[in-house]
Structures are given as structure tokens and as C-alpha cells.
Amino acid sequence: MLSELVKKYKIILASQSPRRQQLIKELGLDFEVIPVDIEESYPAKLKKKDIAIYISELKAKSFDFDKLCKNCLIITADTIVLQDGQILPKPKDFNDAVRILQTLSGNVHEVITGVSLRTKNKLKSFHSITKVYFKNLTPEEIHYYIEHYKPYDKAGAYGIQEWIGYIGIERIEGSYFNVVGLPVQRLYSELLNFL
């Protein structure tokens, strides 16, 4: 069982995302949140599908184990939303959220989450990709969602677990929890192999 394997580690989740924190908690893991503040830039020639892993590894490598603890297990993640080769970021404001949701409306996009696991001596990274199919959203639906749910902290300007997910997403291919922010089933398996 994973709960036995992690007993010798102090688990650090390097994310302020309440969704990631809840998902880790639901795995039955005790952890401390220590957010990491890095510039999330990447080489221009990096393939779009590799960006999430690249950023999650930057976050993981930013920790100094000598200052933190020798027995820490760091978990970092980064999520991007990709449609037609374009990254759809967190919206800057209301109008940006409208623009992003109009782009997603009636289309399919990919949610890619890169996850890194790091101890003092090891680093392991993986990613999960989920295809999300949106129905055609009306302007009223888009405005209602943004006004009531304020998705400014979410890549792609939406949360699948919120109203827009209930009414707007026709289907997905892949992990639901990946779209929420962390592919927990894959994380569980990777942790078992990593430790």
C-alpha cells in the first residue's frame, strides 16, 4: 500500500491549487504545501506537449534539499490546455476568459498535466493527456459561467468540476481528474514504482 511506502517521507506539494490539494488528500496522503515561485518559461523549440513536464521539472529542481529536509518527497505539477497547437493560458480578465471559452466552444482540446516526483537522489516525471469535447456554448452560458465562477486561476478558463463542465462538456477521452488538475490514478501508480 502506498500509505506504508510514504511513511518515511515528508511529502511536499508544491502547488497552491485547492483542487490539487484536495486530490492528494483524497489519496490518503499527509502533506505540506510549499508553493514554488518560478518563471514559467520554456525553450521556444520545445514541443508543446512537453511544456507541462518541463515546467513541473523546473519546479521540482528549484527545491534545495539541504535547506528543506533530507527525507522530503516533492510533488510538482503543471497543466496546460492545448487547442489546434495553441496554448490557452489562465485568463487575464473577463474579456480574455470570454475569448478563451469561445475558442473552446464546439471544439476538442487537450489538457496536458506534467507531474514530477523528486527525492534527494531521484527525479521522475510523467504526463497525462485528456481530450475534452465542448458543445457549442451560447454567449449567455459563457457570461454566466465567468460571472459566477470567476475562472481566472484555471488554464483554459474553466473547471470541469464546475457548472460549465456539467452543461458544456459532451465527453472526454482520458482521465477526468487530469482535467481537474492532477491525474491521481497515474500519480498513485507512479508513486508505487518511484518509492
C-alpha atoms as a PDB file:
ATOM      1  CA  MET A   1       0.000   0.000   0.000  1.00  0.00           C
ATOM      2  CA  LEU A   2       1.134   3.500  -0.786  1.00  0.00           C
ATOM      3  CA  SER A   3       0.390   4.737   2.726  1.00  0.00           C
ATOM      4  CA  GLU A   4       3.064   2.362   4.063  1.00  0.00           C
ATOM      5  CA  LEU A   5       5.660   3.321   1.448  1.00  0.00           C
ATOM      6  CA  VAL A   6       5.384   7.063   2.107  1.00  0.00           C
ATOM      7  CA  LYS A   7       5.730   6.847   5.899  1.00  0.00           C
ATOM      8  CA  LYS A   8       9.462   7.534   5.784  1.00  0.00           C
ATOM      9  CA  TYR A   9       8.975  10.693   3.690  1.00  0.00           C
ATOM     10  CA  LYS A  10       7.796  14.199   4.394  1.00  0.00           C
ATOM     11  CA  ILE A  11       5.563  14.909   1.394  1.00  0.00           C
ATOM     12  CA  ILE A  12       5.711  18.415  -0.044  1.00  0.00           C
ATOM     13  CA  LEU A  13       3.102  19.502  -2.579  1.00  0.00           C
ATOM     14  CA  ALA A  14       4.464  22.483  -4.479  1.00  0.00           C
ATOM     15  CA  SER A  15       1.081  23.855  -5.527  1.00  0.00           C
ATOM     16  CA  GLN A  16      -1.363  26.420  -4.234  1.00  0.00           C
ATOM     17  CA  SER A  17      -4.150  24.857  -6.285  1.00  0.00           C
ATOM     18  CA  PRO A  18      -7.000  23.899  -3.951  1.00  0.00           C
ATOM     19  CA  ARG A  19      -8.021  21.236  -6.470  1.00  0.00           C
ATOM     20  CA  ARG A  20      -4.607  19.547  -6.409  1.00  0.00           C
ATOM     21  CA  GLN A  21      -4.516  19.731  -2.631  1.00  0.00           C
ATOM     22  CA  GLN A  22      -7.929  18.067  -2.398  1.00  0.00           C
ATOM     23  CA  LEU A  23      -6.961  15.317  -4.846  1.00  0.00           C
ATOM     24  CA  ILE A  24      -3.755  14.495  -2.919  1.00  0.00           C
ATOM     25  CA  LYS A  25      -5.728  14.478   0.324  1.00  0.00           C
ATOM     26  CA  GLU A  26      -8.228  12.033  -1.211  1.00  0.00           C
ATOM     27  CA  LEU A  27      -5.318   9.660  -1.917  1.00  0.00           C
ATOM     28  CA  GLY A  28      -4.941   9.463   1.864  1.00  0.00           C
ATOM     29  CA  LEU A  29      -1.579  11.238   1.951  1.00  0.00           C
ATOM     30  CA  ASP A  30      -0.428  13.692   4.600  1.00  0.00           C
ATOM     31  CA  PHE A  31       1.447  16.574   3.039  1.00  0.00           C
ATOM     32  CA  GLU A  32       2.644  20.110   3.491  1.00  0.00           C
ATOM     33  CA  VAL A  33       2.052  22.804   0.890  1.00  0.00           C
ATOM     34  CA  ILE A  34       5.143  24.786  -0.078  1.00  0.00           C
ATOM     35  CA  PRO A  35       4.396  26.709  -3.256  1.00  0.00           C
ATOM     36  CA  VAL A  36       7.290  27.428  -5.552  1.00  0.00           C
ATOM     37  CA  ASP A  37       7.586  30.683  -7.439  1.00  0.00           C
ATOM     38  CA  ILE A  38       9.491  30.266 -10.686  1.00  0.00           C
ATOM     39  CA  GLU A  39       9.340  31.953 -14.039  1.00  0.00           C
ATOM     40  CA  GLU A  40       7.338  29.521 -16.122  1.00  0.00           C
ATOM     41  CA  SER A  41       9.274  29.992 -19.340  1.00  0.00           C
ATOM     42  CA  TYR A  42      10.488  27.301 -21.694  1.00  0.00           C
ATOM     43  CA  PRO A  43      12.662  26.998 -24.807  1.00  0.00           C
ATOM     44  CA  ALA A  44      10.875  28.188 -27.950  1.00  0.00           C
ATOM     45  CA  LYS A  45      11.703  24.956 -29.801  1.00  0.00           C
ATOM     46  CA  LEU A  46      10.216  22.712 -27.089  1.00  0.00           C
ATOM     47  CA  LYS A  47       7.294  20.628 -28.359  1.00  0.00           C
ATOM     48  CA  LYS A  48       4.008  21.936 -26.945  1.00  0.00           C
ATOM     49  CA  LYS A  49       3.175  18.533 -25.437  1.00  0.00           C
ATOM     50  CA  ASP A  50       6.443  18.596 -23.464  1.00  0.00           C
ATOM     51  CA  ILE A  51       5.912  22.011 -21.858  1.00  0.00           C
ATOM     52  CA  ALA A  52       3.950  20.772 -18.821  1.00  0.00           C
ATOM     53  CA  ILE A  53       6.673  18.257 -17.887  1.00  0.00           C
ATOM     54  CA  TYR A  54       9.399  20.847 -18.482  1.00  0.00           C
ATOM     55  CA  ILE A  55       7.718  23.329 -16.099  1.00  0.00           C
ATOM     56  CA  SER A  56       6.959  20.674 -13.463  1.00  0.00           C
ATOM     57  CA  GLU A  57      10.629  19.625 -13.520  1.00  0.00           C
ATOM     58  CA  LEU A  58      11.752  23.255 -13.161  1.00  0.00           C
ATOM     59  CA  LYS A  59       9.562  23.487 -10.070  1.00  0.00           C
ATOM     60  CA  ALA A  60      10.908  20.218  -8.635  1.00  0.00           C
ATOM     61  CA  LYS A  61      14.537  21.175  -9.257  1.00  0.00           C
ATOM     62  CA  SER A  62      14.085  24.551  -7.543  1.00  0.00           C
ATOM     63  CA  PHE A  63      13.972  22.924  -4.080  1.00  0.00           C
ATOM     64  CA  ASP A  64      17.172  22.833  -2.016  1.00  0.00           C
ATOM     65  CA  PHE A  65      17.089  19.601  -0.025  1.00  0.00           C
ATOM     66  CA  ASP A  66      19.896  20.752   2.273  1.00  0.00           C
ATOM     67  CA  LYS A  67      17.690  23.621   3.430  1.00  0.00           C
ATOM     68  CA  LEU A  68      14.436  21.676   3.318  1.00  0.00           C
ATOM     69  CA  CYS A  69      14.852  18.116   4.575  1.00  0.00           C
ATOM     70  CA  LYS A  70      16.763  15.009   3.598  1.00  0.00           C
ATOM     71  CA  ASN A  71      13.693  12.762   3.532  1.00  0.00           C
ATOM     72  CA  CYS A  72      11.355  15.022   1.535  1.00  0.00           C
ATOM     73  CA  LEU A  73       9.270  13.787  -1.352  1.00  0.00           C
ATOM     74  CA  ILE A  74       8.394  16.718  -3.600  1.00  0.00           C
ATOM     75  CA  ILE A  75       5.353  16.562  -5.881  1.00  0.00           C
ATOM     76  CA  THR A  76       5.054  19.271  -8.530  1.00  0.00           C
ATOM     77  CA  ALA A  77       2.659  19.659 -11.438  1.00  0.00           C
ATOM     78  CA  ASP A  78       1.815  21.957 -14.294  1.00  0.00           C
ATOM     79  CA  THR A  79      -1.232  21.884 -16.541  1.00  0.00           C
ATOM     80  CA  ILE A  80      -1.643  23.347 -19.994  1.00  0.00           C
ATOM     81  CA  VAL A  81      -4.642  23.477 -22.293  1.00  0.00           C
ATOM     82  CA  LEU A  82      -3.804  22.988 -25.954  1.00  0.00           C
ATOM     83  CA  GLN A  83      -6.123  23.568 -28.881  1.00  0.00           C
ATOM     84  CA  ASP A  84      -5.045  23.474 -32.502  1.00  0.00           C
ATOM     85  CA  GLY A  85      -1.419  23.809 -31.440  1.00  0.00           C
ATOM     86  CA  GLN A  86      -2.079  26.909 -29.341  1.00  0.00           C
ATOM     87  CA  ILE A  87      -1.701  27.090 -25.566  1.00  0.00           C
ATOM     88  CA  LEU A  88      -4.744  28.569 -23.844  1.00  0.00           C
ATOM     89  CA  PRO A  89      -3.481  30.142 -20.598  1.00  0.00           C
ATOM     90  CA  LYS A  90      -5.213  31.314 -17.457  1.00  0.00           C
ATOM     91  CA  PRO A  91      -7.372  34.282 -18.455  1.00  0.00           C
ATOM     92  CA  LYS A  92      -6.128  37.762 -17.585  1.00  0.00           C
ATOM     93  CA  ASP A  93      -9.602  39.264 -17.219  1.00  0.00           C
ATOM     94  CA  PHE A  94     -13.276  38.840 -18.125  1.00  0.00           C
ATOM     95  CA  ASN A  95     -12.798  39.558 -21.837  1.00  0.00           C
ATOM     96  CA  ASP A  96      -9.874  37.158 -22.057  1.00  0.00           C
ATOM     97  CA  ALA A  97     -11.979  34.432 -20.395  1.00  0.00           C
ATOM     98  CA  VAL A  98     -14.751  35.069 -22.940  1.00  0.00           C
ATOM     99  CA  ARG A  99     -12.244  34.797 -25.803  1.00  0.00           C
ATOM    100  CA  ILE A 100     -10.800  31.528 -24.471  1.00  0.00           C
ATOM    101  CA  LEU A 101     -14.210  29.912 -23.892  1.00  0.00           C
ATOM    102  CA  GLN A 102     -15.364  30.996 -27.362  1.00  0.00           C
ATOM    103  CA  THR A 103     -12.265  29.259 -28.736  1.00  0.00           C
ATOM    104  CA  LEU A 104     -13.127  26.052 -26.846  1.00  0.00           C
ATOM    105  CA  SER A 105     -16.824  26.191 -27.779  1.00  0.00           C
ATOM    106  CA  GLY A 106     -17.799  23.459 -30.236  1.00  0.00           C
ATOM    107  CA  ASN A 107     -14.248  22.142 -30.390  1.00  0.00           C
ATOM    108  CA  VAL A 108     -11.963  19.498 -28.931  1.00  0.00           C
ATOM    109  CA  HIS A 109      -8.865  20.387 -26.944  1.00  0.00           C
ATOM    110  CA  GLU A 110      -6.220  18.593 -24.906  1.00  0.00           C
ATOM    111  CA  VAL A 111      -5.471  19.052 -21.240  1.00  0.00           C
ATOM    112  CA  ILE A 112      -1.886  18.038 -20.502  1.00  0.00           C
ATOM    113  CA  THR A 113      -0.612  17.762 -16.948  1.00  0.00           C
ATOM    114  CA  GLY A 114       3.054  17.175 -16.272  1.00  0.00           C
ATOM    115  CA  VAL A 115       3.924  15.773 -12.852  1.00  0.00           C
ATOM    116  CA  SER A 116       7.353  15.447 -11.241  1.00  0.00           C
ATOM    117  CA  LEU A 117       8.320  13.380  -8.207  1.00  0.00           C
ATOM    118  CA  ARG A 118      11.596  14.220  -6.525  1.00  0.00           C
ATOM    119  CA  THR A 119      13.567  12.967  -3.566  1.00  0.00           C
ATOM    120  CA  LYS A 120      17.118  13.962  -2.705  1.00  0.00           C
ATOM    121  CA  ASN A 121      18.513  11.327  -5.092  1.00  0.00           C
ATOM    122  CA  LYS A 122      15.806  10.742  -7.713  1.00  0.00           C
ATOM    123  CA  LEU A 123      13.614  12.628 -10.158  1.00  0.00           C
ATOM    124  CA  LYS A 124      10.787  11.025 -12.141  1.00  0.00           C
ATOM    125  CA  SER A 125       8.392  12.863 -14.434  1.00  0.00           C
ATOM    126  CA  PHE A 126       5.366  11.828 -16.453  1.00  0.00           C
ATOM    127  CA  HIS A 127       2.420  13.427 -18.170  1.00  0.00           C
ATOM    128  CA  SER A 128      -1.206  12.644 -18.779  1.00  0.00           C
ATOM    129  CA  ILE A 129      -3.277  13.846 -21.739  1.00  0.00           C
ATOM    130  CA  THR A 130      -7.062  14.096 -21.780  1.00  0.00           C
ATOM    131  CA  LYS A 131      -9.133  15.116 -24.798  1.00  0.00           C
ATOM    132  CA  VAL A 132     -12.127  17.288 -23.914  1.00  0.00           C
ATOM    133  CA  TYR A 133     -15.071  17.848 -26.271  1.00  0.00           C
ATOM    134  CA  PHE A 134     -17.145  21.004 -25.708  1.00  0.00           C
ATOM    135  CA  LYS A 135     -20.600  21.596 -27.139  1.00  0.00           C
ATOM    136  CA  ASN A 136     -21.333  24.936 -28.781  1.00  0.00           C
ATOM    137  CA  LEU A 137     -21.666  27.373 -25.897  1.00  0.00           C
ATOM    138  CA  THR A 138     -24.018  30.343 -26.139  1.00  0.00           C
ATOM    139  CA  PRO A 139     -22.754  33.820 -25.231  1.00  0.00           C
ATOM    140  CA  GLU A 140     -25.179  33.766 -22.292  1.00  0.00           C
ATOM    141  CA  GLU A 141     -23.708  30.493 -20.976  1.00  0.00           C
ATOM    142  CA  ILE A 142     -20.165  31.830 -21.278  1.00  0.00           C
ATOM    143  CA  HIS A 143     -21.011  35.094 -19.494  1.00  0.00           C
ATOM    144  CA  TYR A 144     -22.997  33.335 -16.763  1.00  0.00           C
ATOM    145  CA  TYR A 145     -20.132  30.971 -16.050  1.00  0.00           C
ATOM    146  CA  ILE A 146     -17.462  33.654 -15.894  1.00  0.00           C
ATOM    147  CA  GLU A 147     -19.597  35.970 -13.733  1.00  0.00           C
ATOM    148  CA  HIS A 148     -20.496  33.251 -11.227  1.00  0.00           C
ATOM    149  CA  TYR A 149     -17.355  31.079 -11.150  1.00  0.00           C
ATOM    150  CA  LYS A 150     -14.537  33.551 -11.945  1.00  0.00           C
ATOM    151  CA  PRO A 151     -12.198  31.015 -13.594  1.00  0.00           C
ATOM    152  CA  TYR A 152      -9.158  33.299 -13.592  1.00  0.00           C
ATOM    153  CA  ASP A 153      -6.957  30.731 -11.828  1.00  0.00           C
ATOM    154  CA  LYS A 154      -7.622  27.963 -14.357  1.00  0.00           C
ATOM    155  CA  ALA A 155      -5.746  27.148 -17.548  1.00  0.00           C
ATOM    156  CA  GLY A 156      -8.267  27.249 -20.375  1.00  0.00           C
ATOM    157  CA  ALA A 157     -10.635  29.452 -18.322  1.00  0.00           C
ATOM    158  CA  TYR A 158     -12.791  26.628 -16.980  1.00  0.00           C
ATOM    159  CA  GLY A 159     -13.117  23.964 -14.317  1.00  0.00           C
ATOM    160  CA  ILE A 160     -14.606  20.660 -15.472  1.00  0.00           C
ATOM    161  CA  GLN A 161     -15.996  20.135 -11.962  1.00  0.00           C
ATOM    162  CA  GLU A 162     -17.998  23.373 -12.160  1.00  0.00           C
ATOM    163  CA  TRP A 163     -21.258  24.378 -13.885  1.00  0.00           C
ATOM    164  CA  ILE A 164     -19.626  24.765 -17.310  1.00  0.00           C
ATOM    165  CA  GLY A 165     -18.433  21.167 -17.120  1.00  0.00           C
ATOM    166  CA  TYR A 166     -21.923  19.927 -16.303  1.00  0.00           C
ATOM    167  CA  ILE A 167     -23.606  21.715 -19.196  1.00  0.00           C
ATOM    168  CA  GLY A 168     -20.836  22.162 -21.725  1.00  0.00           C
ATOM    169  CA  ILE A 169     -18.658  19.085 -21.919  1.00  0.00           C
ATOM    170  CA  GLU A 170     -20.066  16.386 -24.163  1.00  0.00           C
ATOM    171  CA  ARG A 171     -17.370  13.804 -23.470  1.00  0.00           C
ATOM    172  CA  ILE A 172     -13.752  13.247 -22.565  1.00  0.00           C
ATOM    173  CA  GLU A 173     -11.112  10.713 -23.551  1.00  0.00           C
ATOM    174  CA  GLY A 174      -8.740  10.069 -20.684  1.00  0.00           C
ATOM    175  CA  SER A 175      -8.575  10.960 -17.021  1.00  0.00           C
ATOM    176  CA  TYR A 176     -11.278  13.227 -15.593  1.00  0.00           C
ATOM    177  CA  PHE A 177      -9.019  14.104 -12.657  1.00  0.00           C
ATOM    178  CA  ASN A 178      -6.283  15.165 -15.062  1.00  0.00           C
ATOM    179  CA  VAL A 179      -8.640  17.913 -16.257  1.00  0.00           C
ATOM    180  CA  VAL A 180      -9.371  18.856 -12.632  1.00  0.00           C
ATOM    181  CA  GLY A 181      -5.621  19.343 -12.180  1.00  0.00           C
ATOM    182  CA  LEU A 182      -3.861  16.094 -11.291  1.00  0.00           C
ATOM    183  CA  PRO A 183      -4.066  12.594 -12.827  1.00  0.00           C
ATOM    184  CA  VAL A 184      -4.359  10.885  -9.438  1.00  0.00           C
ATOM    185  CA  GLN A 185      -4.694   7.287 -10.640  1.00  0.00           C
ATOM    186  CA  ARG A 186      -1.480   7.656 -12.637  1.00  0.00           C
ATOM    187  CA  LEU A 187       0.157   9.517  -9.731  1.00  0.00           C
ATOM    188  CA  TYR A 188      -0.717   6.624  -7.411  1.00  0.00           C
ATOM    189  CA  SER A 189       0.864   4.085  -9.793  1.00  0.00           C
ATOM    190  CA  GLU A 190       3.945   6.226 -10.391  1.00  0.00           C
ATOM    191  CA  LEU A 191       4.461   6.754  -6.649  1.00  0.00           C
ATOM    192  CA  LEU A 192       4.302   2.993  -6.052  1.00  0.00           C
ATOM    193  CA  ASN A 193       7.027   2.476  -8.667  1.00  0.00           C
ATOM    194  CA  PHE A 194       9.090   5.510  -7.618  1.00  0.00           C
ATOM    195  CA  LEU A 195       9.322   4.618  -3.943  1.00  0.00           C
END
